[in-house]
Amino acid sequence: MSNRCSATSLRAIGANATLNRERQRSAGSAAPDSADPNPLCKPEGMGILTSDDGAIRTITIDRPEALNALTPALLSELADTLSNAATTDSVRVVVLTGTGRAFSAGVDLKALAAEPPEDGDVAGSLNNPARRACDLLSTMPKVTIAKVNGFCFTGALELALSCDLLVAAEEAKLGDTHAKWGLRPTWGMSARLMRAVGPVRARELSYTARTIGGREAFDLGIASHCVPLAELEEAVTELAAAIAENSPQSIAAYKDLYSAQQQRGLHDGLQYEYATMYPMGDAGGRLDTFGKS
């Protein structure tokens, strides 16, 4: 396994200090230009943007002045936006990302101060919409892709891990920092991180709360792809387009089957695959085109 992007404990401390400085600097900065940089985007609410490109829907966390930090209201809006995407027939792929320097820096510290954690557990006003968003990302019958462009810490990493695929910029910074702040995971970190990297690696990442770069996230199996930030948009667009070309019924069946396999042993998983039926009305037309293109 490559160690090119591995961070020592000193570098991890430095990265967290950098993140804190970014938050402080951003909090005092002027509001971003009100002009919409993407005319295709339409606001879904406070801090969430959506745009459609054919069968691909991009959902963007848009609080760049706060490094896209997560609040109860934003998480509720995100969950509602994901629910809409899940039930929109024309959408086949959902891309989740953030504006500016961050995918998301995690839970907004002001939200934690307003409702202090109890025994390391954040309040229900955060837990409930966050869990709903994570569940939708992992269970909706569409492929979900996390496009990690920058900072992606703790609760934000739990959102990203809930997606089917994660594409990271080499410059991205990811980490599970629950232990650094005296918190415990309540949005699925212990279940999903372990399944992504294995139990030993998951323990090391959580116990040290260290920061890793995009390349190490790829090497560990967290990211399915890793490219320079300048190439991230193109890479995600190509990946999403390749998926969107395939049968949505097949994709929905695969998503359910892979989820079932993670929750069952080999024998039970095989029996589930053998016995579970899915509506697939487009097989005939797709097979008819075989050999004609």
Protein backbone atom coordinates (compact mmCIF):
# COMPACT_ATOMS: atom_id res chain seq x y z
CA MET A 1 0.00 0.00 0.00
CA SER A 2 1.33 3.43 -0.94
CA ASN A 3 2.29 5.78 1.90
CA ARG A 4 2.68 8.84 -0.34
CA CYS A 5 -0.06 10.80 1.40
CA SER A 6 0.28 9.30 4.92
CA ALA A 7 0.19 11.89 7.70
CA THR A 8 2.29 11.64 10.86
CA SER A 9 0.71 12.61 14.13
CA LEU A 10 2.46 15.99 13.99
CA ARG A 11 1.09 16.64 10.52
CA ALA A 12 -2.39 15.61 11.71
CA ILE A 13 -2.18 18.16 14.52
CA GLY A 14 -1.06 20.75 12.01
CA ALA A 15 -3.92 19.92 9.68
CA ASN A 16 -6.46 20.35 12.47
CA ALA A 17 -4.89 23.67 13.40
CA THR A 18 -5.10 24.73 9.76
CA LEU A 19 -8.80 23.80 9.68
CA ASN A 20 -9.45 25.86 12.80
CA ARG A 21 -7.65 28.86 11.26
CA GLU A 22 -9.67 28.44 8.06
CA ARG A 23 -12.90 28.47 10.07
CA GLN A 24 -11.86 31.60 11.96
CA ARG A 25 -10.73 33.37 8.80
CA SER A 26 -13.88 32.38 6.91
CA ALA A 27 -16.17 33.48 9.73
CA GLY A 28 -14.78 37.01 9.49
CA SER A 29 -14.75 37.23 5.72
CA ALA A 30 -17.22 39.10 3.58
CA ALA A 31 -20.21 37.26 2.22
CA PRO A 32 -19.57 35.58 -1.13
CA ASP A 33 -20.67 37.25 -4.33
CA SER A 34 -24.42 36.85 -4.62
CA ALA A 35 -24.13 36.05 -8.33
CA ASP A 36 -24.81 32.35 -8.92
CA PRO A 37 -21.59 30.79 -10.33
CA ASN A 38 -23.62 27.97 -11.85
CA PRO A 39 -26.73 29.18 -13.65
CA LEU A 40 -28.10 25.63 -13.67
CA CYS A 41 -28.25 25.56 -9.88
CA LYS A 42 -31.42 26.44 -8.07
CA PRO A 43 -31.56 26.93 -4.29
CA GLU A 44 -33.48 24.26 -2.40
CA GLY A 45 -33.19 26.19 0.85
CA MET A 46 -30.61 27.60 3.19
CA GLY A 47 -27.30 26.13 2.15
CA ILE A 48 -28.38 23.51 -0.41
CA LEU A 49 -28.16 23.84 -4.19
CA THR A 50 -29.29 21.36 -6.83
CA SER A 51 -28.61 21.07 -10.54
CA ASP A 52 -29.58 18.47 -13.16
CA ASP A 53 -27.51 17.40 -16.15
CA GLY A 54 -29.60 14.82 -17.92
CA ALA A 55 -30.03 11.88 -15.53
CA ILE A 56 -27.38 13.19 -13.12
CA ARG A 57 -28.45 15.36 -10.18
CA THR A 58 -25.79 17.26 -8.23
CA ILE A 59 -26.61 18.33 -4.68
CA THR A 60 -24.21 20.90 -3.25
CA ILE A 61 -23.75 21.95 0.36
CA ASP A 62 -23.33 25.70 -0.03
CA ARG A 63 -22.04 27.43 3.10
CA PRO A 64 -18.53 28.28 1.92
CA GLU A 65 -18.17 31.06 4.50
CA ALA A 66 -18.35 28.32 7.18
CA LEU A 67 -16.58 25.57 5.20
CA ASN A 68 -20.03 24.02 4.60
CA ALA A 69 -20.44 23.18 8.29
CA LEU A 70 -23.55 21.16 9.12
CA THR A 71 -26.44 22.65 11.09
CA PRO A 72 -29.78 21.05 12.00
CA ALA A 73 -31.62 23.17 9.42
CA LEU A 74 -29.10 22.37 6.68
CA LEU A 75 -29.22 18.64 7.44
CA SER A 76 -33.01 18.68 7.34
CA GLU A 77 -32.93 20.46 3.98
CA LEU A 78 -30.34 17.99 2.70
CA ALA A 79 -32.49 15.03 3.75
CA ASP A 80 -35.55 16.52 2.04
CA THR A 81 -33.55 17.18 -1.12
CA LEU A 82 -32.23 13.62 -1.15
CA SER A 83 -35.76 12.28 -0.63
CA ASN A 84 -36.91 14.21 -3.69
CA ALA A 85 -34.04 12.82 -5.77
CA ALA A 86 -34.81 9.29 -4.60
CA THR A 87 -38.36 9.48 -5.95
CA THR A 88 -37.63 11.35 -9.20
CA ASP A 89 -37.72 8.83 -12.04
CA SER A 90 -35.55 10.91 -14.37
CA VAL A 91 -32.66 10.93 -11.87
CA ARG A 92 -30.32 7.93 -12.07
CA VAL A 93 -27.20 9.22 -10.32
CA VAL A 94 -26.92 11.63 -7.38
CA VAL A 95 -23.65 13.50 -6.76
CA LEU A 96 -23.10 15.08 -3.33
CA THR A 97 -20.42 17.75 -2.95
CA GLY A 98 -19.60 21.09 -1.33
CA THR A 99 -18.82 24.61 -2.49
CA GLY A 100 -15.34 26.08 -2.20
CA ARG A 101 -12.55 24.62 -0.08
CA ALA A 102 -14.64 21.96 1.65
CA PHE A 103 -16.96 19.05 1.03
CA SER A 104 -17.94 19.88 4.60
CA ALA A 105 -15.88 20.52 7.71
CA GLY A 106 -18.41 18.60 9.82
CA VAL A 107 -20.92 19.75 12.42
CA ASP A 108 -21.10 23.50 12.99
CA LEU A 109 -19.49 24.24 16.36
CA LYS A 110 -22.21 26.81 17.08
CA ALA A 111 -24.81 24.06 16.76
CA LEU A 112 -22.89 21.97 19.28
CA ALA A 113 -22.67 24.91 21.65
CA ALA A 114 -26.41 25.54 21.38
CA GLU A 115 -27.21 21.92 22.30
CA PRO A 116 -24.18 20.46 24.08
CA PRO A 117 -23.49 16.74 23.56
CA GLU A 118 -24.55 14.38 26.32
CA ASP A 119 -22.11 11.52 26.98
CA GLY A 120 -20.49 12.27 23.64
CA ASP A 121 -23.78 12.07 21.72
CA VAL A 122 -24.86 15.13 19.75
CA ALA A 123 -28.46 16.30 20.04
CA GLY A 124 -31.42 14.78 18.26
CA SER A 125 -31.82 17.95 16.22
CA LEU A 126 -28.57 16.93 14.49
CA ASN A 127 -28.87 13.15 14.75
CA ASN A 128 -32.33 12.75 13.29
CA PRO A 129 -31.90 14.58 9.95
CA ALA A 130 -28.30 13.37 9.57
CA ARG A 131 -29.32 9.74 9.99
CA ARG A 132 -32.16 10.26 7.53
CA ALA A 133 -29.74 11.77 4.99
CA CYS A 134 -27.24 8.93 5.46
CA ASP A 135 -29.97 6.31 5.11
CA LEU A 136 -31.25 7.91 1.91
CA LEU A 137 -27.76 8.05 0.41
CA SER A 138 -27.17 4.38 1.15
CA THR A 139 -30.60 2.98 0.31
CA MET A 140 -32.18 5.08 -2.46
CA PRO A 141 -32.45 3.10 -5.73
CA LYS A 142 -29.96 5.43 -7.43
CA VAL A 143 -26.17 5.45 -7.41
CA THR A 144 -24.86 8.08 -5.01
CA ILE A 145 -21.39 9.57 -5.43
CA ALA A 146 -19.54 11.72 -2.90
CA LYS A 147 -17.36 14.25 -4.73
CA VAL A 148 -14.86 15.19 -2.02
CA ASN A 149 -13.15 18.38 -3.09
CA GLY A 150 -11.57 19.53 0.18
CA PHE A 151 -12.08 19.25 3.93
CA CYS A 152 -14.26 16.27 4.90
CA PHE A 153 -14.29 15.63 8.63
CA THR A 154 -16.29 13.55 11.09
CA GLY A 155 -20.02 13.99 10.35
CA ALA A 156 -19.24 15.00 6.78
CA LEU A 157 -17.17 11.84 6.37
CA GLU A 158 -20.14 9.84 7.64
CA LEU A 159 -22.26 11.39 4.88
CA ALA A 160 -19.58 10.63 2.28
CA LEU A 161 -19.19 7.02 3.47
CA SER A 162 -22.96 6.57 3.08
CA CYS A 163 -22.60 7.08 -0.66
CA ASP A 164 -22.06 4.16 -3.03
CA LEU A 165 -18.85 5.66 -4.38
CA LEU A 166 -16.44 8.34 -3.20
CA VAL A 167 -14.24 10.29 -5.60
CA ALA A 168 -11.57 12.34 -3.83
CA ALA A 169 -9.30 15.12 -4.97
CA GLU A 170 -5.66 14.44 -4.15
CA GLU A 171 -5.71 17.71 -2.21
CA ALA A 172 -8.71 16.68 -0.07
CA LYS A 173 -8.32 16.22 3.68
CA LEU A 174 -10.44 13.57 5.39
CA GLY A 175 -10.63 12.35 8.97
CA ASP A 176 -12.69 10.89 11.79
CA THR A 177 -12.10 13.43 14.56
CA HIS A 178 -14.83 12.33 17.01
CA ALA A 179 -12.22 11.29 19.60
CA LYS A 180 -10.40 14.61 19.31
CA TRP A 181 -13.51 16.45 20.50
CA GLY A 182 -14.74 13.90 23.06
CA LEU A 183 -17.61 12.70 20.87
CA ARG A 184 -18.76 9.30 19.73
CA PRO A 185 -20.08 8.46 16.27
CA THR A 186 -23.85 8.40 15.94
CA TRP A 187 -24.35 8.64 12.15
CA GLY A 188 -22.79 5.33 11.12
CA MET A 189 -19.00 5.86 11.25
CA SER A 190 -18.19 2.70 13.21
CA ALA A 191 -20.23 0.54 10.82
CA ARG A 192 -19.32 2.11 7.47
CA LEU A 193 -15.65 2.97 8.00
CA MET A 194 -14.90 -0.58 9.14
CA ARG A 195 -16.59 -2.01 6.06
CA ALA A 196 -14.60 0.32 3.82
CA VAL A 197 -11.10 -0.24 5.22
CA GLY A 198 -11.33 -3.25 7.56
CA PRO A 199 -11.49 -3.25 11.36
CA VAL A 200 -7.79 -2.70 12.09
CA ARG A 201 -7.42 0.31 9.80
CA ALA A 202 -10.74 1.74 10.99
CA ARG A 203 -9.61 1.54 14.62
CA GLU A 204 -6.32 3.25 13.82
CA LEU A 205 -8.03 6.11 11.98
CA SER A 206 -10.62 6.62 14.71
CA TYR A 207 -8.26 6.22 17.66
CA THR A 208 -5.66 8.65 16.29
CA ALA A 209 -8.20 11.07 14.73
CA ARG A 210 -5.55 11.77 12.14
CA THR A 211 -6.05 13.50 8.83
CA ILE A 212 -5.46 11.66 5.56
CA GLY A 213 -5.21 12.99 2.03
CA GLY A 214 -7.17 11.91 -1.00
CA ARG A 215 -4.49 9.52 -2.23
CA GLU A 216 -4.33 7.67 1.08
CA ALA A 217 -8.13 7.52 1.14
CA PHE A 218 -7.89 5.77 -2.22
CA ASP A 219 -5.14 3.43 -1.03
CA LEU A 220 -7.19 2.47 2.03
CA GLY A 221 -10.33 1.75 0.01
CA ILE A 222 -12.37 4.73 1.20
CA ALA A 223 -12.25 6.37 -2.23
CA SER A 224 -12.97 4.56 -5.48
CA HIS A 225 -11.08 7.19 -7.48
CA CYS A 226 -8.49 9.88 -6.68
CA VAL A 227 -7.51 12.63 -9.10
CA PRO A 228 -5.99 16.12 -8.88
CA LEU A 229 -8.52 18.74 -7.86
CA ALA A 230 -8.35 20.32 -11.32
CA GLU A 231 -9.59 17.03 -12.81
CA LEU A 232 -12.22 16.20 -10.18
CA GLU A 233 -15.23 17.64 -12.00
CA GLU A 234 -14.40 15.82 -15.23
CA ALA A 235 -13.71 12.53 -13.44
CA VAL A 236 -17.02 12.57 -11.56
CA THR A 237 -18.96 13.61 -14.66
CA GLU A 238 -17.47 10.74 -16.69
CA LEU A 239 -18.12 8.21 -13.91
CA ALA A 240 -21.71 9.36 -13.39
CA ALA A 241 -22.41 9.36 -17.14
CA ALA A 242 -21.07 5.81 -17.50
CA ILE A 243 -23.38 4.63 -14.72
CA ALA A 244 -26.40 6.55 -16.02
CA GLU A 245 -26.16 4.73 -19.37
CA ASN A 246 -26.97 1.40 -17.74
CA SER A 247 -30.31 -0.10 -16.75
CA PRO A 248 -31.75 1.76 -13.72
CA GLN A 249 -33.58 -1.42 -12.71
CA SER A 250 -30.35 -3.42 -12.75
CA ILE A 251 -28.57 -0.72 -10.77
CA ALA A 252 -31.36 -0.66 -8.15
CA ALA A 253 -31.17 -4.45 -7.85
CA TYR A 254 -27.38 -4.39 -7.49
CA LYS A 255 -27.57 -1.70 -4.83
CA ASP A 256 -30.02 -3.73 -2.77
CA LEU A 257 -28.00 -6.93 -3.26
CA TYR A 258 -24.68 -5.39 -2.24
CA SER A 259 -26.35 -3.91 0.83
CA ALA A 260 -27.81 -7.30 1.71
CA GLN A 261 -24.43 -9.01 1.32
CA GLN A 262 -22.87 -6.59 3.83
CA GLN A 263 -25.50 -7.54 6.39
CA ARG A 264 -25.47 -11.32 5.88
CA GLY A 265 -23.02 -14.17 5.96
CA LEU A 266 -22.02 -15.89 2.70
CA HIS A 267 -24.68 -18.61 2.85
CA ASP A 268 -27.55 -16.24 3.69
CA GLY A 269 -26.29 -13.73 1.16
CA LEU A 270 -26.29 -16.27 -1.64
CA GLN A 271 -29.79 -17.42 -0.74
CA TYR A 272 -30.97 -13.79 -0.80
CA GLU A 273 -29.49 -13.29 -4.27
CA TYR A 274 -31.02 -16.51 -5.59
CA ALA A 275 -34.50 -15.81 -4.23
CA THR A 276 -35.03 -12.05 -4.57
CA MET A 277 -36.85 -10.84 -7.68
CA TYR A 278 -36.77 -7.30 -9.10
CA PRO A 279 -38.93 -5.63 -11.77
CA MET A 280 -36.74 -5.18 -14.86
CA GLY A 281 -38.75 -4.14 -17.87
CA ASP A 282 -35.90 -2.96 -20.09
CA ALA A 283 -33.91 -6.20 -20.46
CA GLY A 284 -35.53 -7.18 -23.76
CA GLY A 285 -34.82 -3.88 -25.48
CA ARG A 286 -31.24 -3.78 -24.24
CA LEU A 287 -30.56 -7.36 -25.30
CA ASP A 288 -32.02 -6.64 -28.73
CA THR A 289 -29.28 -4.07 -29.29
CA PHE A 290 -26.49 -6.59 -28.58
CA GLY A 291 -24.13 -6.82 -31.52
CA LYS A 292 -25.82 -3.98 -33.41
CA SER A 293 -23.74 -1.06 -32.13
